[in-house]
Amino acid sequence: MKKLLLLGMTLLLASCANVSKVGPGEVAVKDQLTAKLDSAWNRVEFPSSGKSELWTTDGLTLDSLVFYVGVADGEPLAELAGRQDKQQARFRSAMPPHEIVELYGTVASEGGNSFKLDKLAPAAFLGNDGFRFDFTLLRKGDEVELKGVAYGAVRNGKLYLMTFRAPKLYYFNKHLGRVEAVARSLKLRG
Protein backbone atom coordinates (compact mmCIF):
# COMPACT_ATOMS: atom_id res chain seq x y z
CA MET A 1 0.00 0.00 0.00
CA LYS A 2 2.82 2.41 0.89
CA LYS A 3 4.53 1.73 -2.43
CA LEU A 4 1.30 2.39 -4.29
CA LEU A 5 0.82 5.66 -2.41
CA LEU A 6 4.42 6.69 -3.15
CA LEU A 7 3.94 5.87 -6.83
CA GLY A 8 0.71 7.88 -6.92
CA MET A 9 2.35 10.89 -5.29
CA THR A 10 5.30 10.68 -7.70
CA LEU A 11 2.94 10.60 -10.68
CA LEU A 12 0.94 13.52 -9.29
CA LEU A 13 4.09 15.59 -8.78
CA ALA A 14 5.37 14.67 -12.23
CA SER A 15 2.13 15.87 -13.81
CA CYS A 16 2.71 19.34 -12.31
CA ALA A 17 6.37 19.52 -13.31
CA ASN A 18 8.15 20.72 -16.40
CA VAL A 19 11.12 18.49 -17.32
CA SER A 20 13.90 19.58 -19.67
CA LYS A 21 17.35 18.27 -20.55
CA VAL A 22 20.40 20.27 -19.42
CA GLY A 23 23.96 19.70 -20.60
CA PRO A 24 26.42 18.64 -21.64
CA GLY A 25 28.33 21.92 -21.67
CA GLU A 26 27.90 25.11 -19.67
CA VAL A 27 24.52 25.40 -17.94
CA ALA A 28 22.95 28.24 -15.93
CA VAL A 29 21.46 27.39 -12.54
CA LYS A 30 18.72 29.84 -11.44
CA ASP A 31 20.47 32.55 -13.51
CA GLN A 32 23.01 33.00 -10.68
CA LEU A 33 25.40 30.07 -11.12
CA THR A 34 27.03 28.24 -14.01
CA ALA A 35 28.07 24.61 -14.13
CA LYS A 36 30.08 22.70 -16.72
CA LEU A 37 28.51 19.31 -17.35
CA ASP A 38 30.19 16.35 -19.04
CA SER A 39 26.84 14.64 -19.54
CA ALA A 40 23.14 15.45 -19.51
CA TRP A 41 20.80 15.76 -16.53
CA ASN A 42 17.05 16.30 -16.39
CA ARG A 43 15.94 19.61 -14.87
CA VAL A 44 12.60 19.25 -13.07
CA GLU A 45 10.77 22.53 -12.51
CA PHE A 46 7.78 22.80 -10.20
CA PRO A 47 5.56 25.89 -10.05
CA SER A 48 6.68 26.53 -6.45
CA SER A 49 10.43 25.90 -6.85
CA GLY A 50 11.37 29.19 -5.20
CA LYS A 51 15.14 29.56 -4.90
CA SER A 52 15.82 25.90 -5.64
CA GLU A 53 16.44 23.94 -8.80
CA LEU A 54 16.14 20.15 -9.02
CA TRP A 55 18.00 17.82 -11.37
CA THR A 56 17.83 14.04 -11.75
CA THR A 57 19.24 11.37 -14.03
CA ASP A 58 17.31 8.20 -13.27
CA GLY A 59 14.17 9.71 -11.70
CA LEU A 60 13.24 11.59 -8.55
CA THR A 61 13.02 8.54 -6.29
CA LEU A 62 16.42 7.26 -7.50
CA ASP A 63 18.58 10.39 -7.48
CA SER A 64 18.12 14.09 -6.87
CA LEU A 65 20.57 16.96 -7.15
CA VAL A 66 19.15 20.16 -5.65
CA PHE A 67 20.62 23.64 -5.82
CA TYR A 68 19.49 26.24 -3.26
CA VAL A 69 20.62 29.46 -4.88
CA GLY A 70 21.03 32.87 -3.26
CA VAL A 71 18.90 32.26 -0.15
CA ALA A 72 18.99 35.63 1.64
CA ASP A 73 19.03 36.35 5.35
CA GLY A 74 15.60 35.62 6.85
CA GLU A 75 14.36 33.53 3.91
CA PRO A 76 13.39 29.86 4.27
CA LEU A 77 15.61 27.30 2.58
CA ALA A 78 12.41 25.75 1.23
CA GLU A 79 8.73 26.35 1.91
CA LEU A 80 7.58 23.48 4.11
CA ALA A 81 4.00 22.46 3.39
CA GLY A 82 1.45 22.92 6.13
CA ARG A 83 3.59 25.26 8.21
CA GLN A 84 2.66 28.81 9.03
CA ASP A 85 5.07 31.48 7.82
CA LYS A 86 6.48 31.92 11.35
CA GLN A 87 7.19 28.17 11.58
CA GLN A 88 9.39 28.02 8.47
CA ALA A 89 13.06 27.21 9.12
CA ARG A 90 14.92 30.33 7.99
CA PHE A 91 18.49 31.00 6.93
CA ARG A 92 20.54 33.59 8.82
CA SER A 93 23.65 34.93 7.12
CA ALA A 94 25.68 34.57 10.35
CA MET A 95 24.93 30.82 10.62
CA PRO A 96 28.01 28.63 10.95
CA PRO A 97 28.12 25.50 8.78
CA HIS A 98 26.75 23.16 11.48
CA GLU A 99 23.60 25.33 11.78
CA ILE A 100 23.17 25.31 7.99
CA VAL A 101 23.33 21.50 8.16
CA GLU A 102 20.60 21.58 10.83
CA LEU A 103 18.52 23.86 8.58
CA TYR A 104 18.89 21.41 5.69
CA GLY A 105 18.12 18.50 8.05
CA THR A 106 14.82 20.18 8.93
CA VAL A 107 13.89 20.39 5.24
CA ALA A 108 15.10 16.84 4.47
CA SER A 109 13.14 15.44 7.45
CA GLU A 110 9.84 16.88 6.20
CA GLY A 111 7.21 14.18 5.83
CA GLY A 112 8.72 11.94 8.49
CA ASN A 113 12.08 11.16 6.89
CA SER A 114 14.94 10.55 9.31
CA PHE A 115 18.08 12.70 8.74
CA LYS A 116 21.51 11.90 10.23
CA LEU A 117 24.71 13.90 9.72
CA ASP A 118 27.67 11.61 9.04
CA LYS A 119 30.47 14.12 8.48
CA LEU A 120 31.00 17.89 8.20
CA ALA A 121 34.28 19.38 6.96
CA PRO A 122 35.68 22.48 5.24
CA ALA A 123 35.74 22.21 1.43
CA ALA A 124 36.25 24.47 -1.56
CA PHE A 125 32.98 25.55 -3.15
CA LEU A 126 32.18 28.31 -5.66
CA GLY A 127 35.91 28.97 -6.03
CA ASN A 128 36.48 29.79 -2.36
CA ASP A 129 36.12 28.45 1.18
CA GLY A 130 32.97 26.52 1.91
CA PHE A 131 31.95 23.26 3.52
CA ARG A 132 30.87 19.74 2.65
CA PHE A 133 28.70 17.37 4.61
CA ASP A 134 27.77 13.73 4.16
CA PHE A 135 24.48 12.44 5.48
CA THR A 136 22.14 9.48 5.67
CA LEU A 137 18.40 9.78 5.18
CA LEU A 138 15.83 7.08 5.85
CA ARG A 139 12.90 7.74 3.52
CA LYS A 140 9.64 7.22 5.40
CA GLY A 141 7.40 6.10 2.53
CA ASP A 142 9.38 3.01 1.58
CA GLU A 143 12.10 2.75 4.28
CA VAL A 144 14.86 3.10 1.67
CA GLU A 145 18.19 4.28 3.09
CA LEU A 146 19.60 7.20 1.10
CA LYS A 147 23.16 8.50 1.20
CA GLY A 148 23.79 12.14 0.55
CA VAL A 149 26.48 14.72 0.05
CA ALA A 150 26.18 18.49 0.09
CA TYR A 151 28.42 21.46 -0.62
CA GLY A 152 27.69 24.93 0.67
CA ALA A 153 28.99 28.46 1.09
CA VAL A 154 27.72 31.86 2.15
CA ARG A 155 28.64 34.62 -0.31
CA ASN A 156 27.63 38.26 0.21
CA GLY A 157 25.21 37.20 2.95
CA LYS A 158 23.43 34.64 0.74
CA LEU A 159 23.45 30.86 1.00
CA TYR A 160 24.41 28.65 -1.92
CA LEU A 161 23.88 24.96 -1.20
CA MET A 162 24.04 21.94 -3.51
CA THR A 163 22.70 18.64 -2.19
CA PHE A 164 22.67 15.18 -3.74
CA ARG A 165 20.90 12.12 -2.40
CA ALA A 166 20.24 8.67 -3.78
CA PRO A 167 19.62 5.14 -2.48
CA LYS A 168 22.71 3.83 -0.71
CA LEU A 169 22.60 0.65 -2.76
CA TYR A 170 23.92 1.34 -6.27
CA TYR A 171 22.57 4.79 -7.21
CA PHE A 172 24.60 6.93 -4.79
CA ASN A 173 27.97 5.54 -5.91
CA LYS A 174 26.81 5.45 -9.55
CA HIS A 175 26.45 9.25 -9.64
CA LEU A 176 28.84 10.50 -6.93
CA GLY A 177 31.72 11.21 -9.33
CA ARG A 178 29.45 13.26 -11.62
CA VAL A 179 28.03 15.17 -8.66
CA GLU A 180 31.49 16.03 -7.34
CA ALA A 181 32.47 17.24 -10.83
CA VAL A 182 29.40 19.52 -10.88
CA ALA A 183 30.36 20.89 -7.44
CA ARG A 184 33.92 21.63 -8.63
CA SER A 185 32.66 23.37 -11.77
CA LEU A 186 30.07 25.66 -10.15
CA LYS A 187 30.75 29.40 -10.34
CA LEU A 188 28.85 32.53 -9.44
CA ARG A 189 27.76 34.43 -12.55
CA GLY A 190 28.81 38.01 -13.11
Foldseek 3Di string as FASTA:
>chain_A
DLVVVVVVVQVVQQVQKDKDKDDQAWDDFQVWKIFHAPDIWIWIDHPQQPQKTWTHHPGDQFKIKMKRPFQAAFGASGDAPPDDPVPGQTDHLPDDPVVVVVSVQVVLCRPNKHKDWDDKDWDDFQNHIWIKTKIWIQDPSPRFIKIKMKIWDADPRTIIMIMMIGGPPPRCVVCVVRVVSRRVGMHTDD
